Amino acid sequence: METRTTRITGALGTVTAGIVAGIIVGTSLVSAPAAQAAESDATVTQANATGVVIARDQSVPLTAVPMAPRAVTVTTNPNTRVTLNAPRTKTRSAKTNAQGFATFTKLKAGKKYTVTADGETATVVPVLKVGRARDLTIMTTSEPGTITATWAHATSKARGGLTIGYTLTATPVGVADGVPDGVPDGDPDVPSISIKTDSTEAVLRGLDPTVLYSFTVTPHNLLGEGRASVARMDRSLAEVSGIAMPAADDAGSDSAEEAPSAEPSAAPVATSPPAPTPALTRAPQTRTIWVCPDTFTDVDGVCTQNRAYTFHTETETTAYTYHDEFVETNRIWHDHAFNPHNGCAYTVHGDRCMGWEIQGYTTKVKDDAPSGWTDNGTAYARDVDVKDATPDGWSDNGTEWIRTAAKVARTVPA
């Protein structure tokens, strides 16, 4: 077989045709498995494509929430006409923007509005910012590391009504006097403790008896948090309850007692000072009692919680009433000789019968609105306060809402 060699000159220099052919063939051989692998990968991807979400419902449910004082924001599909109305108020409407939002302002706080869009309806109550609580009082309990907090807060429908809640927080701010190894401010080993409640009292557990705390109660409604009320401790729970704390030289005294003495007779036991906190080395003495849960009061052995009624405004209407009134249309004067046999339909003046003949008709005239009512154009109307429905889990005793609970076990010092 004849071997021919042709020199090829190009950008890569001069090579032989035989070498180029070998490179081309080698490339074809290497590419074949890669193509097979690509085909295999495509097959695996197709096999795992089951259950992949490729489309979702783009419709937005109608919602309306307070976003600012006396204002609400409605969310629905973009470019949708939204109407807002309430009894004895002018119906308002707006079109949602490209993001699906429409905001209504200058509404009456505490009044329930109905929102309508695309056949859907929702209700919303605009509110004002929640007011500040007052008279925050912190008291000790029989349970170590536990306090009871009470406060006062004036609520109303305009401020949020039943949506008002509170956050009670204890923040470490210092160490009690006389504690040698206190925890510095902000140390993560003594974190802040918080509890949320819808009542104006709460029980907070887990406090360090040797630490001074600052307590805050922060009211909140649908618009967010209001201003906090603050109460700060000037004595630790250990100081108030009389729990003994280790003195600064305790560690040195213990070490001296444990070290062997070179002259036993020089350190008689009788002259050694007594340990300052023997109670801390004994096993804790506790007992179990049955008490009402937090925020419940024991009333004749029954754990009871009370809540004052709340109300909302509704418009009451009654049909119009009418009375008859005569409407005069014409008058004719009559003056003729009086005939005793025929009588006189008017007034007899000597031998004359004289008087006016009044012509007209009787019609129905609407009465004025009764006292305390107004005329809304279709009926007499007035706003009345209506008691809200009894909350879930509560009952109505005729004067307030009430609920009960079973007593719970609690371990306390003996």
Protein backbone atom coordinates (compact mmCIF):
# COMPACT_ATOMS: atom_id res chain seq x y z
CA MET A 1 0.00 0.00 0.00
CA GLU A 2 1.29 3.39 -0.98
CA THR A 3 1.53 6.03 1.71
CA ARG A 4 1.08 9.58 0.56
CA THR A 5 1.95 12.55 2.71
CA THR A 6 0.63 15.99 1.91
CA ARG A 7 1.83 19.04 3.78
CA ILE A 8 -0.88 21.49 4.87
CA THR A 9 0.04 24.99 5.83
CA GLY A 10 -2.38 27.13 7.86
CA ALA A 11 -2.84 29.08 11.06
CA LEU A 12 -1.79 26.09 13.13
CA GLY A 13 1.43 25.60 11.19
CA THR A 14 2.35 22.69 9.00
CA VAL A 15 0.93 19.26 9.77
CA THR A 16 0.49 16.07 7.79
CA ALA A 17 -2.82 14.96 6.36
CA GLY A 18 -2.45 11.63 8.10
CA ILE A 19 -2.27 13.28 11.50
CA VAL A 20 -5.25 15.50 10.76
CA ALA A 21 -7.26 12.50 9.65
CA GLY A 22 -6.35 10.70 12.88
CA ILE A 23 -7.54 13.66 14.96
CA ILE A 24 -10.84 13.80 13.09
CA VAL A 25 -11.45 10.07 13.47
CA GLY A 26 -10.53 10.19 17.15
CA THR A 27 -12.93 13.02 17.73
CA SER A 28 -15.75 11.08 16.16
CA LEU A 29 -15.05 8.11 18.36
CA VAL A 30 -14.99 10.22 21.52
CA SER A 31 -18.15 12.12 20.62
CA ALA A 32 -20.27 9.04 20.25
CA PRO A 33 -20.42 8.13 23.97
CA ALA A 34 -21.16 11.80 24.84
CA ALA A 35 -24.13 11.77 22.51
CA GLN A 36 -25.34 8.54 24.07
CA ALA A 37 -24.98 10.12 27.56
CA ALA A 38 -26.93 13.18 26.50
CA GLU A 39 -29.69 10.95 25.15
CA SER A 40 -29.71 9.00 28.45
CA ASP A 41 -29.94 12.22 30.51
CA ALA A 42 -32.86 13.43 28.44
CA THR A 43 -34.68 10.18 29.08
CA VAL A 44 -34.15 10.46 32.89
CA THR A 45 -35.39 14.06 32.96
CA GLN A 46 -38.52 13.11 31.09
CA ALA A 47 -39.18 10.23 33.49
CA ASN A 48 -39.00 12.58 36.56
CA ALA A 49 -41.28 15.31 35.13
CA THR A 50 -44.48 13.95 36.74
CA GLY A 51 -46.11 16.22 39.32
CA VAL A 52 -44.28 19.43 38.37
CA VAL A 53 -46.52 22.51 38.75
CA ILE A 54 -46.63 24.28 35.40
CA ALA A 55 -49.54 26.72 36.03
CA ARG A 56 -51.36 28.22 39.02
CA ASP A 57 -54.64 30.04 39.61
CA GLN A 58 -53.90 33.75 39.08
CA SER A 59 -57.09 35.03 40.76
CA VAL A 60 -56.67 36.90 44.06
CA PRO A 61 -59.25 36.41 46.86
CA LEU A 62 -60.93 39.58 48.11
CA THR A 63 -59.49 40.84 51.41
CA ALA A 64 -59.75 44.14 53.28
CA VAL A 65 -57.60 45.11 56.26
CA PRO A 66 -56.87 48.33 58.19
CA MET A 67 -53.52 49.75 57.10
CA ALA A 68 -53.60 53.24 58.66
CA PRO A 69 -55.85 55.17 61.06
CA ARG A 70 -59.35 55.43 59.57
CA ALA A 71 -58.15 53.77 56.36
CA VAL A 72 -58.39 50.28 54.84
CA THR A 73 -56.64 48.62 51.94
CA VAL A 74 -58.53 46.21 49.69
CA THR A 75 -56.70 43.47 47.80
CA THR A 76 -58.20 41.65 44.80
CA ASN A 77 -57.47 41.19 41.10
CA PRO A 78 -55.75 44.12 39.33
CA ASN A 79 -57.88 46.76 37.60
CA THR A 80 -61.05 45.70 39.40
CA ARG A 81 -63.83 48.04 40.53
CA VAL A 82 -64.27 47.86 44.34
CA THR A 83 -67.20 49.38 46.27
CA LEU A 84 -67.28 50.21 49.98
CA ASN A 85 -70.45 50.98 51.90
CA ALA A 86 -71.91 51.03 55.40
CA PRO A 87 -75.29 52.04 56.85
CA ARG A 88 -75.92 55.78 56.68
CA THR A 89 -72.76 56.46 54.71
CA LYS A 90 -72.20 57.36 51.08
CA THR A 91 -71.13 54.43 48.92
CA ARG A 92 -67.58 54.82 47.68
CA SER A 93 -65.76 53.03 44.90
CA ALA A 94 -62.27 52.78 43.50
CA LYS A 95 -60.33 50.74 40.96
CA THR A 96 -57.45 48.55 42.07
CA ASN A 97 -54.04 49.35 40.67
CA ALA A 98 -51.75 47.06 38.68
CA GLN A 99 -50.77 45.27 41.89
CA GLY A 100 -54.42 44.70 42.90
CA PHE A 101 -54.59 47.27 45.76
CA ALA A 102 -57.15 50.01 46.47
CA THR A 103 -57.09 52.20 49.58
CA PHE A 104 -60.01 54.06 51.17
CA THR A 105 -59.30 56.83 53.69
CA LYS A 106 -61.27 59.15 56.01
CA LEU A 107 -63.55 56.34 57.19
CA LYS A 108 -65.40 56.19 60.50
CA ALA A 109 -63.31 54.22 62.99
CA GLY A 110 -65.18 51.35 64.64
CA LYS A 111 -67.89 51.16 61.97
CA LYS A 112 -68.27 47.94 59.97
CA TYR A 113 -67.98 48.40 56.20
CA THR A 114 -68.91 45.94 53.45
CA VAL A 115 -66.52 45.58 50.51
CA THR A 116 -67.75 44.22 47.16
CA ALA A 117 -65.74 43.27 44.06
CA ASP A 118 -66.44 40.82 41.23
CA GLY A 119 -69.37 39.30 43.11
CA GLU A 120 -67.31 38.70 46.26
CA THR A 121 -67.95 40.45 49.57
CA ALA A 122 -65.86 41.03 52.68
CA THR A 123 -66.21 43.12 55.81
CA VAL A 124 -63.69 45.35 57.52
CA VAL A 125 -63.65 47.72 60.50
CA PRO A 126 -61.25 50.69 60.27
CA VAL A 127 -59.60 51.58 63.57
CA LEU A 128 -57.43 54.20 65.20
CA LYS A 129 -54.01 53.65 66.72
CA VAL A 130 -54.22 51.83 70.02
CA GLY A 131 -53.83 53.94 73.14
CA ARG A 132 -51.25 53.50 75.87
CA ALA A 133 -51.90 51.30 78.91
CA ARG A 134 -51.47 52.78 82.40
CA ASP A 135 -51.06 51.77 86.05
CA LEU A 136 -48.66 48.89 85.28
CA THR A 137 -48.13 47.12 88.60
CA ILE A 138 -45.77 44.19 89.25
CA MET A 139 -46.36 41.94 92.29
CA THR A 140 -44.58 38.91 93.72
CA THR A 141 -46.20 35.49 94.02
CA SER A 142 -45.64 32.39 96.13
CA GLU A 143 -43.89 30.75 93.18
CA PRO A 144 -40.13 31.44 92.90
CA GLY A 145 -39.08 33.49 89.89
CA THR A 146 -42.69 34.41 89.10
CA ILE A 147 -44.55 37.73 89.12
CA THR A 148 -48.10 38.88 88.46
CA ALA A 149 -48.63 42.00 86.34
CA THR A 150 -51.79 44.08 86.12
CA TRP A 151 -52.57 47.24 84.19
CA ALA A 152 -55.48 49.37 83.04
CA HIS A 153 -56.38 50.18 79.46
CA ALA A 154 -59.36 52.05 78.02
CA THR A 155 -60.63 50.20 74.93
CA SER A 156 -63.29 51.03 72.37
CA LYS A 157 -64.54 49.85 69.01
CA ALA A 158 -62.71 52.73 67.36
CA ARG A 159 -59.42 51.55 68.91
CA GLY A 160 -59.90 47.91 67.91
CA GLY A 161 -62.32 46.36 70.42
CA LEU A 162 -61.73 42.62 70.79
CA THR A 163 -58.70 42.74 68.45
CA ILE A 164 -56.64 44.57 71.10
CA GLY A 165 -53.94 42.45 72.75
CA TYR A 166 -50.92 43.05 74.95
CA THR A 167 -47.27 41.98 75.17
CA LEU A 168 -45.69 41.89 78.62
CA THR A 169 -41.89 41.81 78.58
CA ALA A 170 -39.29 41.57 81.35
CA THR A 171 -35.83 42.84 80.34
CA PRO A 172 -32.78 42.43 82.64
CA VAL A 173 -31.28 45.83 83.44
CA GLY A 174 -28.96 45.17 86.38
CA VAL A 175 -27.87 42.96 89.24
CA ALA A 176 -29.10 43.22 92.82
CA ASP A 177 -26.78 44.75 95.39
CA GLY A 178 -24.71 42.21 97.27
CA VAL A 179 -24.59 39.63 94.47
CA PRO A 180 -20.88 39.00 93.81
CA ASP A 181 -21.18 37.16 90.50
CA GLY A 182 -24.01 38.98 88.80
CA VAL A 183 -24.88 38.80 85.15
CA PRO A 184 -23.86 41.87 83.10
CA ASP A 185 -26.53 43.74 81.17
CA GLY A 186 -27.38 42.13 77.85
CA ASP A 187 -25.81 38.77 78.72
CA PRO A 188 -27.58 36.07 76.65
CA ASP A 189 -27.68 33.79 79.69
CA VAL A 190 -30.35 36.07 81.18
CA PRO A 191 -32.65 36.75 78.21
CA SER A 192 -35.75 38.88 78.10
CA ILE A 193 -39.01 37.05 78.78
CA SER A 194 -42.28 37.93 77.03
CA ILE A 195 -45.87 36.74 77.09
CA LYS A 196 -48.86 37.75 74.97
CA THR A 197 -52.40 38.06 76.32
CA ASP A 198 -55.76 39.64 75.55
CA SER A 199 -56.41 40.39 79.21
CA THR A 200 -55.17 43.25 81.41
CA GLU A 201 -53.30 40.89 83.71
CA ALA A 202 -50.70 38.19 83.19
CA VAL A 203 -48.34 35.87 85.06
CA LEU A 204 -44.69 35.85 84.01
CA ARG A 205 -42.44 32.91 85.03
CA GLY A 206 -38.78 32.07 84.69
CA LEU A 207 -37.25 35.25 86.15
CA ASP A 208 -33.80 35.20 87.75
CA PRO A 209 -34.34 36.08 91.44
CA THR A 210 -30.99 37.92 91.61
CA VAL A 211 -31.55 40.19 88.62
CA LEU A 212 -33.32 43.54 88.41
CA TYR A 213 -35.83 43.74 85.55
CA SER A 214 -37.57 46.47 83.63
CA PHE A 215 -41.16 45.49 82.74
CA THR A 216 -43.07 46.86 79.77
CA VAL A 217 -46.63 46.27 78.60
CA THR A 218 -47.31 47.16 74.97
CA PRO A 219 -50.86 47.20 73.59
CA HIS A 220 -51.44 46.34 69.93
CA ASN A 221 -54.30 46.20 67.46
CA LEU A 222 -54.61 45.57 63.72
CA LEU A 223 -52.51 48.68 62.98
CA GLY A 224 -49.59 47.52 65.11
CA GLU A 225 -48.15 48.36 68.51
CA GLY A 226 -48.89 51.39 70.65
CA ARG A 227 -46.62 53.07 73.18
CA ALA A 228 -45.27 50.91 75.98
CA SER A 229 -45.78 51.51 79.69
CA VAL A 230 -42.74 50.83 81.88
CA ALA A 231 -42.23 49.69 85.49
CA ARG A 232 -38.73 49.04 86.86
CA MET A 233 -37.68 46.98 89.87
CA ASP A 234 -35.65 48.60 92.64
CA ARG A 235 -35.21 45.33 94.56
CA SER A 236 -34.67 41.82 93.24
CA LEU A 237 -37.04 38.95 93.94
CA ALA A 238 -34.33 37.44 96.16
CA GLU A 239 -34.22 40.57 98.30
CA VAL A 240 -37.98 40.80 98.61
CA SER A 241 -38.54 37.13 99.41
CA GLY A 242 -35.49 36.77 101.66
CA ILE A 243 -33.81 34.05 99.61
CA ALA A 244 -30.17 33.87 100.78
CA MET A 245 -27.45 34.66 98.23
CA PRO A 246 -23.79 33.49 98.40
CA ALA A 247 -21.36 36.04 99.87
CA ALA A 248 -18.18 37.12 98.08
CA ASP A 249 -15.84 35.08 100.35
CA ASP A 250 -17.85 31.84 100.21
CA ALA A 251 -15.57 30.24 97.65
CA GLY A 252 -12.42 31.09 99.66
CA SER A 253 -13.92 29.80 102.90
CA ASP A 254 -14.90 26.50 101.31
CA SER A 255 -11.39 26.06 99.88
CA ALA A 256 -9.78 26.78 103.24
CA GLU A 257 -11.95 24.19 104.95
CA GLU A 258 -11.18 21.52 102.36
CA ALA A 259 -7.36 22.09 102.39
CA PRO A 260 -5.35 19.85 104.82
CA SER A 261 -3.99 21.74 107.81
CA ALA A 262 -0.34 21.47 108.85
CA GLU A 263 -1.34 22.04 112.48
CA PRO A 264 -4.81 20.59 113.13
CA SER A 265 -4.85 21.88 116.71
CA ALA A 266 -4.34 25.49 115.47
CA ALA A 267 -7.71 25.53 113.66
CA PRO A 268 -10.39 24.28 116.04
CA VAL A 269 -13.74 23.60 114.47
CA ALA A 270 -15.55 25.47 117.23
CA THR A 271 -14.16 28.82 116.05
CA SER A 272 -15.05 28.32 112.35
CA PRO A 273 -17.89 30.61 111.19
CA PRO A 274 -21.09 28.79 110.17
CA ALA A 275 -21.83 28.43 106.48
CA PRO A 276 -23.90 31.45 105.44
CA THR A 277 -26.29 29.57 103.15
CA PRO A 278 -26.94 26.06 104.49
CA ALA A 279 -30.43 26.11 103.01
CA LEU A 280 -29.01 26.11 99.49
CA THR A 281 -27.29 22.76 100.05
CA ARG A 282 -30.41 20.94 101.25
CA ALA A 283 -32.87 19.26 98.95
CA PRO A 284 -35.69 21.64 98.09
CA GLN A 285 -38.87 21.14 100.08
CA THR A 286 -41.95 21.56 97.86
CA ARG A 287 -45.61 20.70 97.80
CA THR A 288 -48.29 20.55 95.11
CA ILE A 289 -51.30 22.80 95.20
CA TRP A 290 -54.23 23.16 92.81
CA VAL A 291 -54.83 26.65 91.52
CA CYS A 292 -56.71 28.40 88.75
CA PRO A 293 -54.87 28.98 85.44
CA ASP A 294 -53.35 32.36 84.72
CA THR A 295 -55.90 35.18 84.19
CA PHE A 296 -58.65 33.12 85.89
CA THR A 297 -60.10 33.94 89.33
CA ASP A 298 -61.31 31.47 91.91
CA VAL A 299 -64.98 32.22 92.55
CA ASP A 300 -66.47 29.84 95.12
CA GLY A 301 -64.13 27.10 93.96
CA VAL A 302 -64.73 27.67 90.24
CA CYS A 303 -61.99 29.16 88.03
CA THR A 304 -63.76 32.02 86.30
CA GLN A 305 -62.78 34.65 83.75
CA ASN A 306 -65.02 37.62 82.96
CA ARG A 307 -65.13 39.95 79.99
CA ALA A 308 -67.25 43.07 79.54
CA TYR A 309 -69.64 43.20 76.62
CA THR A 310 -68.56 44.95 73.42
CA PHE A 311 -70.94 46.54 70.98
CA HIS A 312 -71.18 47.56 67.35
CA THR A 313 -73.40 50.10 65.62
CA GLU A 314 -76.32 49.04 63.46
CA THR A 315 -78.91 51.16 61.67
CA GLU A 316 -82.54 50.50 62.59
CA THR A 317 -85.28 51.57 60.15
CA THR A 318 -89.07 51.85 60.32
CA ALA A 319 -91.64 52.62 57.64
CA TYR A 320 -92.99 56.11 57.12
CA THR A 321 -96.30 57.13 58.74
CA TYR A 322 -98.81 59.56 57.19
CA HIS A 323 -101.75 61.83 58.11
CA ASP A 324 -104.56 63.36 56.05
CA GLU A 325 -104.39 67.01 54.98
CA PHE A 326 -106.94 69.08 52.97
CA VAL A 327 -105.53 70.99 50.03
CA GLU A 328 -107.59 74.05 49.01
CA THR A 329 -107.89 74.74 45.30
CA ASN A 330 -110.67 77.39 45.06
CA ARG A 331 -113.11 79.61 47.03
CA ILE A 332 -116.58 80.84 46.01
CA TRP A 333 -118.48 83.56 47.95
CA HIS A 334 -122.18 82.93 48.46
CA ASP A 335 -124.73 85.67 49.42
CA HIS A 336 -128.46 84.98 48.98
CA ALA A 337 -131.79 85.49 50.77
CA PHE A 338 -132.32 83.25 53.71
CA ASN A 339 -135.14 80.73 53.32
CA PRO A 340 -135.97 78.99 56.59
CA HIS A 341 -137.42 76.05 54.69
CA ASN A 342 -134.18 75.42 52.77
CA GLY A 343 -131.78 76.20 55.57
CA CYS A 344 -128.40 77.93 55.23
CA ALA A 345 -125.17 76.12 54.54
CA TYR A 346 -123.15 79.14 55.60
CA THR A 347 -123.90 81.90 58.09
CA VAL A 348 -127.24 83.69 58.54
CA HIS A 349 -126.90 87.44 58.76
CA GLY A 350 -130.41 88.87 59.26
CA ASP A 351 -132.35 87.73 56.24
CA ARG A 352 -129.22 86.81 54.28
CA CYS A 353 -127.29 83.51 54.01
CA MET A 354 -123.64 84.29 53.37
CA GLY A 355 -120.28 82.49 53.41
CA TRP A 356 -117.37 81.00 51.48
CA GLU A 357 -117.56 77.69 49.67
CA ILE A 358 -114.04 76.20 49.91
CA GLN A 359 -113.15 73.69 47.23
CA GLY A 360 -110.20 71.24 47.31
CA TYR A 361 -109.16 67.65 48.05
CA THR A 362 -107.68 65.48 50.84
CA THR A 363 -104.20 63.98 50.50
CA LYS A 364 -101.77 61.85 52.55
CA VAL A 365 -98.80 63.76 54.03
CA LYS A 366 -95.72 62.06 55.51
CA ASP A 367 -95.22 62.67 59.22
CA ASP A 368 -92.04 64.25 60.54
CA ALA A 369 -89.37 61.83 61.78
CA PRO A 370 -89.97 60.83 65.42
CA SER A 371 -87.63 62.16 68.09
CA GLY A 372 -84.23 60.49 67.85
CA TRP A 373 -84.83 59.35 64.28
CA THR A 374 -83.83 60.81 60.91
CA ASP A 375 -85.26 60.53 57.40
CA ASN A 376 -82.83 58.70 55.09
CA GLY A 377 -85.02 59.16 52.01
CA THR A 378 -86.68 55.77 52.13
CA ALA A 379 -87.58 55.29 55.81
CA TYR A 380 -87.04 56.64 59.31
CA ALA A 381 -83.61 55.54 60.59
CA ARG A 382 -81.48 55.67 63.71
CA ASP A 383 -78.17 54.16 64.86
CA VAL A 384 -78.37 51.77 67.79
CA ASP A 385 -75.65 49.95 69.74
CA VAL A 386 -76.01 46.20 69.35
CA LYS A 387 -74.14 43.74 71.55
CA ASP A 388 -71.56 41.67 69.68
CA ALA A 389 -71.99 37.93 69.36
CA THR A 390 -70.66 35.87 72.25
CA PRO A 391 -66.99 34.97 71.52
CA ASP A 392 -66.09 31.33 70.98
CA GLY A 393 -65.55 29.50 74.25
CA TRP A 394 -67.51 32.05 76.30
CA SER A 395 -71.07 32.15 77.62
CA ASP A 396 -73.40 35.04 78.43
CA ASN A 397 -74.65 35.33 82.01
CA GLY A 398 -76.90 38.31 81.26
CA THR A 399 -74.49 41.00 82.46
CA GLU A 400 -71.15 39.99 80.91
CA TRP A 401 -69.37 37.19 79.08
CA ILE A 402 -67.91 34.47 81.27
CA ARG A 403 -65.90 31.26 80.92
CA THR A 404 -64.57 28.68 83.34
CA ALA A 405 -61.60 26.35 83.48
CA ALA A 406 -60.36 23.44 85.57
CA LYS A 407 -57.72 23.97 88.24
CA VAL A 408 -54.13 23.02 87.45
CA ALA A 409 -51.37 21.56 89.61
CA ARG A 410 -48.55 23.86 90.69
CA THR A 411 -45.43 23.07 92.72
CA VAL A 412 -44.60 25.63 95.42
CA PRO A 413 -42.15 25.77 98.34
CA ALA A 414 -43.31 23.76 101.33
